[in-house]
Amino acid sequence: QLPLFSLSQIRELLIVTNYCLTGVVKDKLSEPLHYYTKGWSNSFDLDKIRQFSEQNMSSYKYQYHFENNILKAVKSGSEFLLKETVEHFSNSIVPIISGDELRSEKNYSIIIYDRLSQATIQAGLDIETAYRARDRFIKETESTISLNEVLKLRDTAILFYTQQVDSLKRHLETPHSQTIVAVIRYLENNLNRFALLKQKK
């Protein structure tokens, strides 16, 4: 049975193969990618011109402010601030990502999950917890068959990450210096890795 490789690994194998055959380290996909990107950019600009309207501009601005204020609340770890933020932005976001409403909501949720994981990592949450939660939310969202389920999962993710940051901040409330706190966080985040390395030895 042939092994499975990710796209990035296949790309690296192609670079190595090209080097073995030509003696030159070159990404053969790079040049076509630049042409494709240029074409995509031109198409995107034309699409913006076609769809340009005051209503669209307002909705995108609203979405931008909504997302950034939600992320600020999540990074604060305050459920009270999160509740206030949600109440302030009372109108729901209606993403237009694909022609199908359910698919659009799922795609938008996946974007939100990734932004939540990145934001909470910046706030101090360990990478494994942030990414594992993100991947599980994505998996459960993909299996849903109704809009209500998608929205419920998205709200759950926002609250979950907020609670994770709150728990982290409570744990780190200490009179010790920032250096000691940083070392403790590093050890906690890498404890499992150290244990696995020890077992392998």
C-alpha atoms as a PDB file:
ATOM      1  CA  GLN A   1       0.000   0.000   0.000  1.00  0.00           C
ATOM      2  CA  LEU A   2       1.394   3.373  -1.031  1.00  0.00           C
ATOM      3  CA  PRO A   3       1.915   5.938   1.751  1.00  0.00           C
ATOM      4  CA  LEU A   4      -0.295   9.030   1.867  1.00  0.00           C
ATOM      5  CA  PHE A   5       1.397  12.419   1.588  1.00  0.00           C
ATOM      6  CA  SER A   6       0.037  15.905   2.201  1.00  0.00           C
ATOM      7  CA  LEU A   7       0.138  18.433  -0.639  1.00  0.00           C
ATOM      8  CA  SER A   8       3.014  20.289   1.025  1.00  0.00           C
ATOM      9  CA  GLN A   9       5.021  17.051   1.287  1.00  0.00           C
ATOM     10  CA  ILE A  10       4.343  16.241  -2.379  1.00  0.00           C
ATOM     11  CA  ARG A  11       5.553  19.715  -3.313  1.00  0.00           C
ATOM     12  CA  GLU A  12       8.769  19.175  -1.339  1.00  0.00           C
ATOM     13  CA  LEU A  13       9.276  15.786  -3.004  1.00  0.00           C
ATOM     14  CA  LEU A  14       8.923  17.427  -6.430  1.00  0.00           C
ATOM     15  CA  ILE A  15      11.577  20.000  -5.508  1.00  0.00           C
ATOM     16  CA  VAL A  16      13.950  17.231  -4.372  1.00  0.00           C
ATOM     17  CA  THR A  17      13.209  15.182  -7.515  1.00  0.00           C
ATOM     18  CA  ASN A  18      13.883  18.200  -9.715  1.00  0.00           C
ATOM     19  CA  TYR A  19      17.190  18.750  -7.907  1.00  0.00           C
ATOM     20  CA  CYS A  20      18.203  15.099  -8.435  1.00  0.00           C
ATOM     21  CA  LEU A  21      17.471  15.369 -12.170  1.00  0.00           C
ATOM     22  CA  THR A  22      18.783  18.868 -12.890  1.00  0.00           C
ATOM     23  CA  GLY A  23      21.016  19.834  -9.978  1.00  0.00           C
ATOM     24  CA  VAL A  24      18.915  22.963  -9.480  1.00  0.00           C
ATOM     25  CA  VAL A  25      16.825  23.701  -6.396  1.00  0.00           C
ATOM     26  CA  LYS A  26      13.673  25.167  -7.916  1.00  0.00           C
ATOM     27  CA  ASP A  27       9.983  25.026  -7.182  1.00  0.00           C
ATOM     28  CA  LYS A  28       8.459  24.173 -10.554  1.00  0.00           C
ATOM     29  CA  LEU A  29       5.015  25.164  -9.296  1.00  0.00           C
ATOM     30  CA  SER A  30       6.110  28.685  -8.381  1.00  0.00           C
ATOM     31  CA  GLU A  31       5.965  30.317 -11.835  1.00  0.00           C
ATOM     32  CA  PRO A  32       2.529  28.941 -12.823  1.00  0.00           C
ATOM     33  CA  LEU A  33       1.285  29.955  -9.380  1.00  0.00           C
ATOM     34  CA  HIS A  34       2.277  33.587 -10.002  1.00  0.00           C
ATOM     35  CA  TYR A  35       0.365  33.609 -13.292  1.00  0.00           C
ATOM     36  CA  TYR A  36      -2.655  32.064 -11.591  1.00  0.00           C
ATOM     37  CA  THR A  37      -2.483  34.580  -8.729  1.00  0.00           C
ATOM     38  CA  LYS A  38      -2.315  37.492 -11.173  1.00  0.00           C
ATOM     39  CA  GLY A  39      -5.365  36.183 -13.030  1.00  0.00           C
ATOM     40  CA  TRP A  40      -7.230  35.620  -9.766  1.00  0.00           C
ATOM     41  CA  SER A  41      -6.385  39.139  -8.591  1.00  0.00           C
ATOM     42  CA  ASN A  42      -7.670  40.676 -11.836  1.00  0.00           C
ATOM     43  CA  SER A  43     -10.860  38.633 -11.589  1.00  0.00           C
ATOM     44  CA  PHE A  44     -11.295  39.690  -7.950  1.00  0.00           C
ATOM     45  CA  ASP A  45     -10.928  43.381  -8.847  1.00  0.00           C
ATOM     46  CA  LEU A  46     -13.540  43.048 -11.599  1.00  0.00           C
ATOM     47  CA  ASP A  47     -15.871  41.273  -9.198  1.00  0.00           C
ATOM     48  CA  LYS A  48     -15.499  44.104  -6.665  1.00  0.00           C
ATOM     49  CA  ILE A  49     -16.383  46.674  -9.333  1.00  0.00           C
ATOM     50  CA  ARG A  50     -19.470  44.715 -10.395  1.00  0.00           C
ATOM     51  CA  GLN A  51     -20.749  44.215  -6.867  1.00  0.00           C
ATOM     52  CA  PHE A  52     -19.766  47.601  -5.490  1.00  0.00           C
ATOM     53  CA  SER A  53     -22.603  49.266  -3.612  1.00  0.00           C
ATOM     54  CA  GLU A  54     -23.079  51.258  -0.432  1.00  0.00           C
ATOM     55  CA  GLN A  55     -25.062  48.394   1.075  1.00  0.00           C
ATOM     56  CA  ASN A  56     -22.271  45.878   0.506  1.00  0.00           C
ATOM     57  CA  MET A  57     -19.681  48.256   1.910  1.00  0.00           C
ATOM     58  CA  SER A  58     -21.776  48.795   5.029  1.00  0.00           C
ATOM     59  CA  SER A  59     -22.309  45.058   5.558  1.00  0.00           C
ATOM     60  CA  TYR A  60     -18.585  44.299   5.230  1.00  0.00           C
ATOM     61  CA  LYS A  61     -17.681  47.093   7.650  1.00  0.00           C
ATOM     62  CA  TYR A  62     -20.275  45.806  10.096  1.00  0.00           C
ATOM     63  CA  GLN A  63     -18.899  42.276   9.768  1.00  0.00           C
ATOM     64  CA  TYR A  64     -15.336  43.525  10.316  1.00  0.00           C
ATOM     65  CA  HIS A  65     -16.245  45.422  13.489  1.00  0.00           C
ATOM     66  CA  PHE A  66     -18.384  42.535  14.747  1.00  0.00           C
ATOM     67  CA  GLU A  67     -15.608  39.970  14.318  1.00  0.00           C
ATOM     68  CA  ASN A  68     -12.893  42.146  15.840  1.00  0.00           C
ATOM     69  CA  ASN A  69     -14.974  43.105  18.863  1.00  0.00           C
ATOM     70  CA  ILE A  70     -15.936  39.469  19.435  1.00  0.00           C
ATOM     71  CA  LEU A  71     -12.260  38.456  19.268  1.00  0.00           C
ATOM     72  CA  LYS A  72     -11.332  41.197  21.752  1.00  0.00           C
ATOM     73  CA  ALA A  73     -13.977  39.914  24.152  1.00  0.00           C
ATOM     74  CA  VAL A  74     -12.780  36.321  23.732  1.00  0.00           C
ATOM     75  CA  LYS A  75      -9.146  37.318  24.353  1.00  0.00           C
ATOM     76  CA  SER A  76     -10.216  39.175  27.495  1.00  0.00           C
ATOM     77  CA  GLY A  77     -11.687  35.965  28.920  1.00  0.00           C
ATOM     78  CA  SER A  78     -14.702  37.931  30.180  1.00  0.00           C
ATOM     79  CA  GLU A  79     -18.101  36.327  29.597  1.00  0.00           C
ATOM     80  CA  PHE A  80     -19.717  39.594  30.709  1.00  0.00           C
ATOM     81  CA  LEU A  81     -17.857  41.577  28.023  1.00  0.00           C
ATOM     82  CA  LEU A  82     -18.691  38.876  25.487  1.00  0.00           C
ATOM     83  CA  LYS A  83     -22.402  39.119  26.361  1.00  0.00           C
ATOM     84  CA  GLU A  84     -22.317  42.922  26.088  1.00  0.00           C
ATOM     85  CA  THR A  85     -20.561  42.729  22.718  1.00  0.00           C
ATOM     86  CA  VAL A  86     -23.081  40.264  21.307  1.00  0.00           C
ATOM     87  CA  GLU A  87     -25.977  42.412  22.549  1.00  0.00           C
ATOM     88  CA  HIS A  88     -24.414  45.540  21.036  1.00  0.00           C
ATOM     89  CA  PHE A  89     -24.137  43.886  17.631  1.00  0.00           C
ATOM     90  CA  SER A  90     -27.708  42.659  17.707  1.00  0.00           C
ATOM     91  CA  ASN A  91     -28.000  42.111  13.939  1.00  0.00           C
ATOM     92  CA  SER A  92     -26.795  38.721  12.759  1.00  0.00           C
ATOM     93  CA  ILE A  93     -24.041  38.318  10.185  1.00  0.00           C
ATOM     94  CA  VAL A  94     -25.250  36.812   6.920  1.00  0.00           C
ATOM     95  CA  PRO A  95     -22.165  35.503   5.092  1.00  0.00           C
ATOM     96  CA  ILE A  96     -22.255  35.307   1.300  1.00  0.00           C
ATOM     97  CA  ILE A  97     -19.527  32.783   0.544  1.00  0.00           C
ATOM     98  CA  SER A  98     -21.326  30.324  -1.715  1.00  0.00           C
ATOM     99  CA  GLY A  99     -24.727  30.015  -3.373  1.00  0.00           C
ATOM    100  CA  ASP A 100     -25.989  27.582  -0.740  1.00  0.00           C
ATOM    101  CA  GLU A 101     -26.982  29.162   2.591  1.00  0.00           C
ATOM    102  CA  LEU A 102     -26.063  26.174   4.768  1.00  0.00           C
ATOM    103  CA  ARG A 103     -22.704  25.783   3.009  1.00  0.00           C
ATOM    104  CA  SER A 104     -22.027  29.509   3.407  1.00  0.00           C
ATOM    105  CA  GLU A 105     -22.709  29.361   7.145  1.00  0.00           C
ATOM    106  CA  LYS A 106     -20.471  26.303   7.506  1.00  0.00           C
ATOM    107  CA  ASN A 107     -17.640  27.970   5.596  1.00  0.00           C
ATOM    108  CA  TYR A 108     -17.986  31.135   7.663  1.00  0.00           C
ATOM    109  CA  SER A 109     -17.955  29.097  10.884  1.00  0.00           C
ATOM    110  CA  ILE A 110     -14.713  27.421   9.823  1.00  0.00           C
ATOM    111  CA  ILE A 111     -13.164  30.857   9.279  1.00  0.00           C
ATOM    112  CA  ILE A 112     -14.353  31.955  12.729  1.00  0.00           C
ATOM    113  CA  TYR A 113     -12.985  28.795  14.383  1.00  0.00           C
ATOM    114  CA  ASP A 114      -9.564  29.447  12.905  1.00  0.00           C
ATOM    115  CA  ARG A 115      -9.596  33.097  13.977  1.00  0.00           C
ATOM    116  CA  LEU A 116     -10.677  32.079  17.478  1.00  0.00           C
ATOM    117  CA  SER A 117      -7.860  29.547  17.776  1.00  0.00           C
ATOM    118  CA  GLN A 118      -5.259  32.066  16.587  1.00  0.00           C
ATOM    119  CA  ALA A 119      -6.567  34.815  18.880  1.00  0.00           C
ATOM    120  CA  THR A 120      -6.598  32.607  21.973  1.00  0.00           C
ATOM    121  CA  ILE A 121      -3.087  31.318  21.235  1.00  0.00           C
ATOM    122  CA  GLN A 122      -1.998  34.962  21.229  1.00  0.00           C
ATOM    123  CA  ALA A 123      -3.791  35.342  24.569  1.00  0.00           C
ATOM    124  CA  GLY A 124      -1.718  32.464  25.996  1.00  0.00           C
ATOM    125  CA  LEU A 125      -3.785  29.334  25.347  1.00  0.00           C
ATOM    126  CA  ASP A 126      -1.606  26.353  24.469  1.00  0.00           C
ATOM    127  CA  ILE A 127      -1.473  25.515  20.777  1.00  0.00           C
ATOM    128  CA  GLU A 128      -2.615  21.907  21.127  1.00  0.00           C
ATOM    129  CA  THR A 129      -5.816  22.822  22.985  1.00  0.00           C
ATOM    130  CA  ALA A 130      -6.600  25.670  20.582  1.00  0.00           C
ATOM    131  CA  TYR A 131      -6.098  23.578  17.446  1.00  0.00           C
ATOM    132  CA  ARG A 132      -7.702  20.382  18.745  1.00  0.00           C
ATOM    133  CA  ALA A 133     -10.822  22.341  19.701  1.00  0.00           C
ATOM    134  CA  ARG A 134     -10.811  24.097  16.319  1.00  0.00           C
ATOM    135  CA  ASP A 135     -10.568  20.808  14.433  1.00  0.00           C
ATOM    136  CA  ARG A 136     -13.356  19.238  16.482  1.00  0.00           C
ATOM    137  CA  PHE A 137     -15.650  22.217  15.927  1.00  0.00           C
ATOM    138  CA  ILE A 138     -14.943  22.002  12.183  1.00  0.00           C
ATOM    139  CA  LYS A 139     -15.667  18.270  12.131  1.00  0.00           C
ATOM    140  CA  GLU A 140     -18.944  18.654  14.029  1.00  0.00           C
ATOM    141  CA  THR A 141     -19.992  21.616  11.887  1.00  0.00           C
ATOM    142  CA  GLU A 142     -19.422  19.655   8.683  1.00  0.00           C
ATOM    143  CA  SER A 143     -21.711  16.888   9.958  1.00  0.00           C
ATOM    144  CA  THR A 144     -24.622  19.231  10.752  1.00  0.00           C
ATOM    145  CA  ILE A 145     -27.669  19.381   8.500  1.00  0.00           C
ATOM    146  CA  SER A 146     -29.441  22.521   9.733  1.00  0.00           C
ATOM    147  CA  LEU A 147     -28.638  26.216  10.123  1.00  0.00           C
ATOM    148  CA  ASN A 148     -29.616  26.177  13.802  1.00  0.00           C
ATOM    149  CA  GLU A 149     -27.033  23.481  14.519  1.00  0.00           C
ATOM    150  CA  VAL A 150     -24.324  25.439  12.701  1.00  0.00           C
ATOM    151  CA  LEU A 151     -25.122  28.650  14.585  1.00  0.00           C
ATOM    152  CA  LYS A 152     -25.311  26.804  17.918  1.00  0.00           C
ATOM    153  CA  LEU A 153     -21.861  25.298  17.357  1.00  0.00           C
ATOM    154  CA  ARG A 154     -20.433  28.684  16.375  1.00  0.00           C
ATOM    155  CA  ASP A 155     -21.790  30.306  19.533  1.00  0.00           C
ATOM    156  CA  THR A 156     -20.502  27.361  21.569  1.00  0.00           C
ATOM    157  CA  ALA A 157     -17.025  27.821  20.098  1.00  0.00           C
ATOM    158  CA  ILE A 158     -16.988  31.529  20.953  1.00  0.00           C
ATOM    159  CA  LEU A 159     -18.035  30.823  24.547  1.00  0.00           C
ATOM    160  CA  PHE A 160     -15.667  27.836  24.879  1.00  0.00           C
ATOM    161  CA  TYR A 161     -12.597  29.817  23.834  1.00  0.00           C
ATOM    162  CA  THR A 162     -13.612  32.705  26.110  1.00  0.00           C
ATOM    163  CA  GLN A 163     -13.846  30.309  29.061  1.00  0.00           C
ATOM    164  CA  GLN A 164     -10.473  28.789  28.177  1.00  0.00           C
ATOM    165  CA  VAL A 165      -8.810  32.208  28.293  1.00  0.00           C
ATOM    166  CA  ASP A 166     -10.601  33.024  31.562  1.00  0.00           C
ATOM    167  CA  SER A 167      -9.373  29.766  33.105  1.00  0.00           C
ATOM    168  CA  LEU A 168      -5.848  30.475  31.893  1.00  0.00           C
ATOM    169  CA  LYS A 169      -5.832  33.982  33.357  1.00  0.00           C
ATOM    170  CA  ARG A 170      -7.121  32.743  36.709  1.00  0.00           C
ATOM    171  CA  HIS A 171      -4.400  30.096  36.742  1.00  0.00           C
ATOM    172  CA  LEU A 172      -1.717  32.652  35.968  1.00  0.00           C
ATOM    173  CA  GLU A 173      -2.753  35.141  38.659  1.00  0.00           C
ATOM    174  CA  THR A 174       0.496  35.036  40.568  1.00  0.00           C
ATOM    175  CA  PRO A 175       2.945  37.422  42.265  1.00  0.00           C
ATOM    176  CA  HIS A 176       5.832  35.823  40.356  1.00  0.00           C
ATOM    177  CA  SER A 177       7.719  37.607  37.596  1.00  0.00           C
ATOM    178  CA  GLN A 178       6.758  37.365  33.929  1.00  0.00           C
ATOM    179  CA  THR A 179       9.861  35.230  33.322  1.00  0.00           C
ATOM    180  CA  ILE A 180       8.749  32.609  35.855  1.00  0.00           C
ATOM    181  CA  VAL A 181       5.212  32.650  34.473  1.00  0.00           C
ATOM    182  CA  ALA A 182       6.557  32.185  30.930  1.00  0.00           C
ATOM    183  CA  VAL A 183       8.717  29.226  32.021  1.00  0.00           C
ATOM    184  CA  ILE A 184       5.777  27.599  33.838  1.00  0.00           C
ATOM    185  CA  ARG A 185       3.554  28.013  30.780  1.00  0.00           C
ATOM    186  CA  TYR A 186       6.256  26.530  28.545  1.00  0.00           C
ATOM    187  CA  LEU A 187       6.659  23.492  30.795  1.00  0.00           C
ATOM    188  CA  GLU A 188       2.897  22.960  30.997  1.00  0.00           C
ATOM    189  CA  ASN A 189       2.476  23.230  27.236  1.00  0.00           C
ATOM    190  CA  ASN A 190       5.334  20.816  26.522  1.00  0.00           C
ATOM    191  CA  LEU A 191       4.943  18.316  29.371  1.00  0.00           C
ATOM    192  CA  ASN A 192       3.334  15.673  27.155  1.00  0.00           C
ATOM    193  CA  ARG A 193       6.070  16.052  24.558  1.00  0.00           C
ATOM    194  CA  PHE A 194       8.789  15.528  27.180  1.00  0.00           C
ATOM    195  CA  ALA A 195       7.011  12.415  28.456  1.00  0.00           C
ATOM    196  CA  LEU A 196       6.765  10.948  24.946  1.00  0.00           C
ATOM    197  CA  LEU A 197      10.461  11.588  24.280  1.00  0.00           C
ATOM    198  CA  LYS A 198      11.361   9.860  27.534  1.00  0.00           C
ATOM    199  CA  GLN A 199       9.223   6.829  26.630  1.00  0.00           C
ATOM    200  CA  LYS A 200      10.898   6.528  23.215  1.00  0.00           C
ATOM    201  CA  LYS A 201      14.317   6.464  24.842  1.00  0.00           C
END
